[in-house]
N, C-alpha and C. Protein backbone atom coordinates (compact mmCIF):
# COMPACT_ATOMS: atom_id res chain seq x y z
N UNK A 1 18.92 0.15 1.49
CA UNK A 1 18.43 1.40 2.01
C UNK A 1 17.67 1.12 3.30
N UNK A 2 18.12 1.71 4.38
CA UNK A 2 17.46 1.54 5.67
C UNK A 2 16.82 2.86 6.06
N UNK A 3 15.59 2.78 6.49
CA UNK A 3 14.92 3.98 6.97
C UNK A 3 14.07 3.62 8.17
N UNK A 4 13.69 4.63 8.90
CA UNK A 4 12.85 4.38 10.06
C UNK A 4 11.49 3.89 9.59
N UNK A 5 10.83 3.16 10.46
CA UNK A 5 9.51 2.64 10.11
C UNK A 5 8.46 3.24 11.02
N UNK A 6 7.23 3.21 10.54
CA UNK A 6 6.09 3.66 11.33
C UNK A 6 4.98 2.64 11.15
N UNK A 7 4.17 2.51 12.16
CA UNK A 7 3.08 1.55 12.10
C UNK A 7 1.94 2.11 11.26
N UNK A 8 1.30 1.24 10.48
CA UNK A 8 0.15 1.58 9.66
C UNK A 8 -0.88 0.48 9.85
N UNK A 9 -2.04 0.84 10.34
CA UNK A 9 -3.10 -0.16 10.54
C UNK A 9 -4.24 0.15 9.57
N UNK A 10 -4.59 -0.83 8.77
CA UNK A 10 -5.67 -0.66 7.80
C UNK A 10 -6.54 -1.92 7.81
N UNK A 11 -7.75 -1.76 7.33
CA UNK A 11 -8.63 -2.91 7.13
C UNK A 11 -8.74 -3.14 5.63
N UNK A 12 -8.64 -4.42 5.23
CA UNK A 12 -8.76 -4.76 3.82
C UNK A 12 -9.82 -5.85 3.69
N UNK A 13 -10.30 -6.04 2.45
CA UNK A 13 -11.30 -7.07 2.21
C UNK A 13 -10.77 -8.43 2.63
N UNK A 14 -11.65 -9.26 3.15
CA UNK A 14 -11.26 -10.59 3.63
C UNK A 14 -10.66 -11.44 2.50
N UNK A 15 -11.25 -11.37 1.31
CA UNK A 15 -10.73 -12.18 0.19
C UNK A 15 -9.33 -11.72 -0.22
N UNK A 16 -9.06 -10.42 -0.13
CA UNK A 16 -7.72 -9.92 -0.45
C UNK A 16 -6.72 -10.37 0.60
N UNK A 17 -7.12 -10.36 1.86
CA UNK A 17 -6.23 -10.81 2.95
C UNK A 17 -5.83 -12.26 2.75
N UNK A 18 -6.78 -13.09 2.35
CA UNK A 18 -6.48 -14.51 2.10
C UNK A 18 -5.45 -14.64 0.98
N UNK A 19 -5.62 -13.87 -0.10
CA UNK A 19 -4.69 -13.93 -1.23
C UNK A 19 -3.30 -13.43 -0.83
N UNK A 20 -3.26 -12.34 -0.06
CA UNK A 20 -1.98 -11.79 0.38
C UNK A 20 -1.25 -12.81 1.25
N UNK A 21 -1.96 -13.37 2.22
CA UNK A 21 -1.34 -14.37 3.09
C UNK A 21 -0.81 -15.56 2.29
N UNK A 22 -1.59 -16.01 1.31
CA UNK A 22 -1.17 -17.15 0.49
C UNK A 22 0.08 -16.80 -0.33
N UNK A 23 0.11 -15.59 -0.88
CA UNK A 23 1.27 -15.19 -1.68
C UNK A 23 2.53 -15.08 -0.82
N UNK A 24 2.41 -14.47 0.34
CA UNK A 24 3.57 -14.34 1.24
C UNK A 24 4.05 -15.73 1.66
N UNK A 25 3.12 -16.60 2.01
CA UNK A 25 3.50 -17.96 2.42
C UNK A 25 4.18 -18.71 1.28
N UNK A 26 3.65 -18.58 0.07
CA UNK A 26 4.25 -19.26 -1.08
C UNK A 26 5.67 -18.74 -1.34
N UNK A 27 5.86 -17.43 -1.24
CA UNK A 27 7.19 -16.87 -1.46
C UNK A 27 8.16 -17.29 -0.37
N UNK A 28 7.67 -17.41 0.86
CA UNK A 28 8.52 -17.89 1.95
C UNK A 28 9.05 -19.29 1.63
N UNK A 29 8.17 -20.14 1.11
CA UNK A 29 8.55 -21.52 0.85
C UNK A 29 9.35 -21.70 -0.44
N UNK A 30 9.07 -20.89 -1.45
CA UNK A 30 9.72 -21.12 -2.74
C UNK A 30 10.92 -20.22 -3.00
N UNK A 31 10.99 -19.06 -2.35
CA UNK A 31 12.06 -18.11 -2.68
C UNK A 31 12.93 -17.72 -1.50
N UNK A 32 12.27 -17.27 -0.40
CA UNK A 32 13.03 -16.68 0.69
C UNK A 32 12.31 -16.94 2.01
N UNK A 33 12.83 -17.83 2.85
CA UNK A 33 12.18 -18.15 4.11
C UNK A 33 12.02 -16.97 5.06
N UNK A 34 12.78 -15.90 4.82
CA UNK A 34 12.69 -14.74 5.72
C UNK A 34 11.72 -13.67 5.20
N UNK A 35 11.08 -13.91 4.04
CA UNK A 35 10.15 -12.93 3.47
C UNK A 35 8.97 -12.73 4.42
N UNK A 36 8.57 -11.47 4.60
CA UNK A 36 7.52 -11.15 5.57
C UNK A 36 6.38 -10.37 4.93
N UNK A 37 5.26 -10.35 5.63
CA UNK A 37 4.12 -9.54 5.21
C UNK A 37 4.52 -8.07 5.16
N UNK A 38 5.33 -7.63 6.11
CA UNK A 38 5.77 -6.23 6.11
C UNK A 38 6.51 -5.90 4.82
N UNK A 39 7.37 -6.80 4.38
CA UNK A 39 8.10 -6.56 3.13
C UNK A 39 7.15 -6.52 1.93
N UNK A 40 6.17 -7.39 1.92
CA UNK A 40 5.21 -7.41 0.82
C UNK A 40 4.41 -6.11 0.78
N UNK A 41 3.96 -5.65 1.93
CA UNK A 41 3.19 -4.40 1.99
C UNK A 41 4.06 -3.22 1.59
N UNK A 42 5.29 -3.18 2.07
CA UNK A 42 6.20 -2.10 1.72
C UNK A 42 6.43 -2.05 0.21
N UNK A 43 6.66 -3.20 -0.39
CA UNK A 43 6.88 -3.27 -1.84
C UNK A 43 5.64 -2.82 -2.61
N UNK A 44 4.47 -3.30 -2.18
CA UNK A 44 3.23 -2.95 -2.87
C UNK A 44 2.91 -1.46 -2.76
N UNK A 45 3.07 -0.90 -1.56
CA UNK A 45 2.78 0.52 -1.38
C UNK A 45 3.79 1.41 -2.10
N UNK A 46 5.05 0.99 -2.13
CA UNK A 46 6.06 1.75 -2.87
C UNK A 46 5.70 1.80 -4.35
N UNK A 47 5.34 0.65 -4.90
CA UNK A 47 4.95 0.59 -6.31
C UNK A 47 3.71 1.46 -6.57
N UNK A 48 2.71 1.37 -5.70
CA UNK A 48 1.47 2.13 -5.88
C UNK A 48 1.72 3.63 -5.83
N UNK A 49 2.46 4.09 -4.81
CA UNK A 49 2.65 5.54 -4.67
C UNK A 49 3.49 6.08 -5.83
N UNK A 50 4.49 5.34 -6.29
CA UNK A 50 5.27 5.79 -7.45
C UNK A 50 4.39 5.88 -8.69
N UNK A 51 3.51 4.93 -8.86
CA UNK A 51 2.59 4.94 -10.00
C UNK A 51 1.66 6.15 -9.94
N UNK A 52 1.13 6.45 -8.77
CA UNK A 52 0.23 7.60 -8.61
C UNK A 52 0.97 8.92 -8.82
N UNK A 53 2.19 9.00 -8.31
CA UNK A 53 3.00 10.21 -8.51
C UNK A 53 3.29 10.41 -10.00
N UNK A 54 3.63 9.33 -10.69
CA UNK A 54 3.89 9.43 -12.13
C UNK A 54 2.64 9.85 -12.90
N UNK A 55 1.52 9.28 -12.54
CA UNK A 55 0.29 9.53 -13.27
C UNK A 55 -0.30 10.91 -12.97
N UNK A 56 -0.27 11.32 -11.72
CA UNK A 56 -1.02 12.51 -11.33
C UNK A 56 -0.17 13.68 -10.85
N UNK A 57 1.13 13.51 -10.70
CA UNK A 57 1.94 14.59 -10.15
C UNK A 57 3.30 14.71 -10.85
N UNK A 58 3.32 14.44 -12.15
CA UNK A 58 4.53 14.57 -12.95
C UNK A 58 5.73 13.84 -12.35
N UNK A 59 5.45 12.70 -11.70
CA UNK A 59 6.52 11.88 -11.15
C UNK A 59 7.14 12.39 -9.87
N UNK A 60 6.57 13.44 -9.32
CA UNK A 60 7.13 14.05 -8.11
C UNK A 60 6.34 13.63 -6.88
N UNK A 61 7.01 13.51 -5.73
CA UNK A 61 6.27 13.23 -4.49
C UNK A 61 5.42 14.43 -4.09
N UNK A 62 4.27 14.16 -3.51
CA UNK A 62 3.45 15.23 -2.96
C UNK A 62 3.99 15.61 -1.60
N UNK A 63 3.75 16.85 -1.16
CA UNK A 63 4.15 17.20 0.21
C UNK A 63 3.25 16.46 1.20
N UNK A 64 3.76 16.19 2.40
CA UNK A 64 2.92 15.52 3.40
C UNK A 64 1.69 16.37 3.72
N UNK A 65 0.55 15.73 3.97
CA UNK A 65 -0.65 16.50 4.31
C UNK A 65 -0.49 17.18 5.67
N UNK A 66 -0.88 18.44 5.74
CA UNK A 66 -0.82 19.16 7.01
C UNK A 66 -1.73 18.47 8.01
N UNK A 67 -1.18 18.08 9.14
CA UNK A 67 -1.99 17.43 10.16
C UNK A 67 -2.25 15.96 9.91
N UNK A 68 -1.65 15.36 8.90
CA UNK A 68 -1.86 13.94 8.63
C UNK A 68 -3.18 13.68 7.94
N UNK A 69 -3.52 12.42 7.80
CA UNK A 69 -4.78 12.02 7.17
C UNK A 69 -5.88 11.92 8.20
N UNK A 70 -7.13 12.09 7.75
CA UNK A 70 -8.27 11.94 8.64
C UNK A 70 -8.39 10.48 9.06
N UNK A 71 -8.72 10.26 10.31
CA UNK A 71 -8.96 8.91 10.81
C UNK A 71 -10.44 8.59 10.64
N UNK A 72 -10.76 7.33 10.70
CA UNK A 72 -12.15 6.94 10.62
C UNK A 72 -12.56 6.50 9.23
N UNK A 73 -13.86 6.33 9.07
CA UNK A 73 -14.39 5.83 7.82
C UNK A 73 -14.78 7.00 6.91
N UNK A 74 -14.20 7.04 5.71
CA UNK A 74 -14.59 8.10 4.79
C UNK A 74 -15.95 7.80 4.16
N UNK A 75 -16.59 8.83 3.69
CA UNK A 75 -17.82 8.62 2.93
C UNK A 75 -17.46 7.96 1.62
N UNK A 76 -18.47 7.41 0.95
CA UNK A 76 -18.26 6.72 -0.33
C UNK A 76 -17.59 7.67 -1.31
N UNK A 77 -16.46 7.25 -1.85
CA UNK A 77 -15.71 8.04 -2.81
C UNK A 77 -15.32 7.18 -3.99
N UNK A 78 -15.01 7.83 -5.08
CA UNK A 78 -14.48 7.12 -6.23
C UNK A 78 -13.01 6.83 -5.97
N UNK A 79 -12.58 5.65 -6.29
CA UNK A 79 -11.16 5.29 -6.14
C UNK A 79 -10.34 6.25 -6.98
N UNK A 80 -9.20 6.74 -6.47
CA UNK A 80 -8.42 7.74 -7.22
C UNK A 80 -7.94 7.28 -8.58
N UNK A 81 -7.88 5.98 -8.82
CA UNK A 81 -7.41 5.51 -10.12
C UNK A 81 -8.57 5.27 -11.09
N UNK A 82 -9.81 5.45 -10.64
CA UNK A 82 -10.97 5.26 -11.51
C UNK A 82 -11.40 6.59 -12.08
N UNK A 83 -11.94 6.54 -13.28
CA UNK A 83 -12.49 7.74 -13.89
C UNK A 83 -13.88 8.00 -13.33
N UNK A 84 -14.18 9.26 -13.03
CA UNK A 84 -15.52 9.59 -12.57
C UNK A 84 -16.45 9.62 -13.76
N UNK A 85 -17.74 9.24 -13.54
CA UNK A 85 -18.69 9.21 -14.68
C UNK A 85 -18.95 10.58 -15.25
C-alpha cells in the first residue's frame, strides 16, 4: 500500500529516543538493512491509532480535526489511555 506522506515533527523523551534508535539499529543489522526510523514510527503510530479507535470509537476512524491540531505546548493533561482519578 503506497500513500502520500507528510512530515511530522515531535519531541520525545531522551531515554525513549535512545531505545528507539537502538531498536531500529538492531533490526537493521539482524533483519532488514533497509529498515528505517520512518518505518518504525509509521508502524508504531498505525498500531496506536487503531488501538485508540477500537477502544474509544467503536473501531472507526475519527474525522480529521477542523483546522488541524493546536501547535505548541499543551497544558498538563492526563494521557488519553490513563484513567482520570
